[in-house]
Amino acid sequence: MIDALNDELSLAAPLTVTVESCGEPNGFYDLDARAIIMCSAFEDHLFEMAKQLN
């Protein structure tokens, strides 16, 4: 999936994406680190939302 995104997006500088335990279903962008931090609880949250759609 990441390779497919890399083929579609052209960024001016590298962007790091990490998954961390944040204690909440969320995600953040750290401007100084040029990083997206996805909270591990967000995956469960998305799964529950998808179940509600079906």
Protein backbone atom coordinates (compact mmCIF):
# COMPACT_ATOMS: atom_id res chain seq x y z
CA MET A 1 0.00 0.00 0.00
CA ILE A 2 2.80 2.44 0.86
CA ASP A 3 4.51 1.77 -2.46
CA ALA A 4 1.27 2.55 -4.29
CA LEU A 5 0.92 5.83 -2.40
CA ASN A 6 4.53 6.71 -3.16
CA ASP A 7 3.78 6.21 -6.86
CA GLU A 8 0.84 8.63 -6.64
CA LEU A 9 2.30 11.35 -4.41
CA SER A 10 5.28 13.54 -5.06
CA LEU A 11 6.42 15.34 -1.92
CA ALA A 12 9.10 18.02 -1.75
CA ALA A 13 10.73 16.35 1.27
CA PRO A 14 10.53 12.99 3.06
CA LEU A 15 7.53 12.44 5.33
CA THR A 16 7.65 9.90 8.14
CA VAL A 17 4.53 7.98 9.18
CA THR A 18 4.57 6.13 12.50
CA VAL A 19 2.04 4.25 14.61
CA GLU A 20 2.20 4.90 18.33
CA SER A 21 0.14 4.28 21.44
CA CYS A 22 -1.51 7.64 22.17
CA GLY A 23 -4.36 6.51 24.40
CA GLU A 24 -7.00 7.78 21.98
CA PRO A 25 -8.25 7.05 18.44
CA ASN A 26 -6.58 9.92 16.62
CA GLY A 27 -3.73 11.00 14.39
CA PHE A 28 -1.45 14.01 14.42
CA TYR A 29 0.97 15.87 12.19
CA ASP A 30 4.24 16.98 13.79
CA LEU A 31 5.38 19.99 11.76
CA ASP A 32 8.89 20.09 13.23
CA ALA A 33 9.55 16.39 12.61
CA ARG A 34 7.66 16.31 9.28
CA ALA A 35 5.87 13.23 10.58
CA ILE A 36 2.37 11.83 10.75
CA ILE A 37 1.70 9.98 14.00
CA MET A 38 -1.22 7.57 13.81
CA CYS A 39 -2.51 6.37 17.16
CA SER A 40 -2.87 2.59 17.36
CA ALA A 41 -6.39 2.96 18.78
CA PHE A 42 -7.41 4.65 15.51
CA GLU A 43 -7.31 1.30 13.69
CA ASP A 44 -9.90 -0.16 16.08
CA HIS A 45 -12.00 2.99 15.72
CA LEU A 46 -11.98 2.72 11.91
CA PHE A 47 -12.85 -0.98 12.10
CA GLU A 48 -15.87 -0.23 14.31
CA MET A 49 -17.00 2.55 11.96
CA ALA A 50 -16.74 0.18 8.98
CA LYS A 51 -18.83 -2.45 10.79
CA GLN A 52 -21.57 0.15 11.34
CA LEU A 53 -21.70 0.88 7.60
CA ASN A 54 -22.49 -2.75 6.76
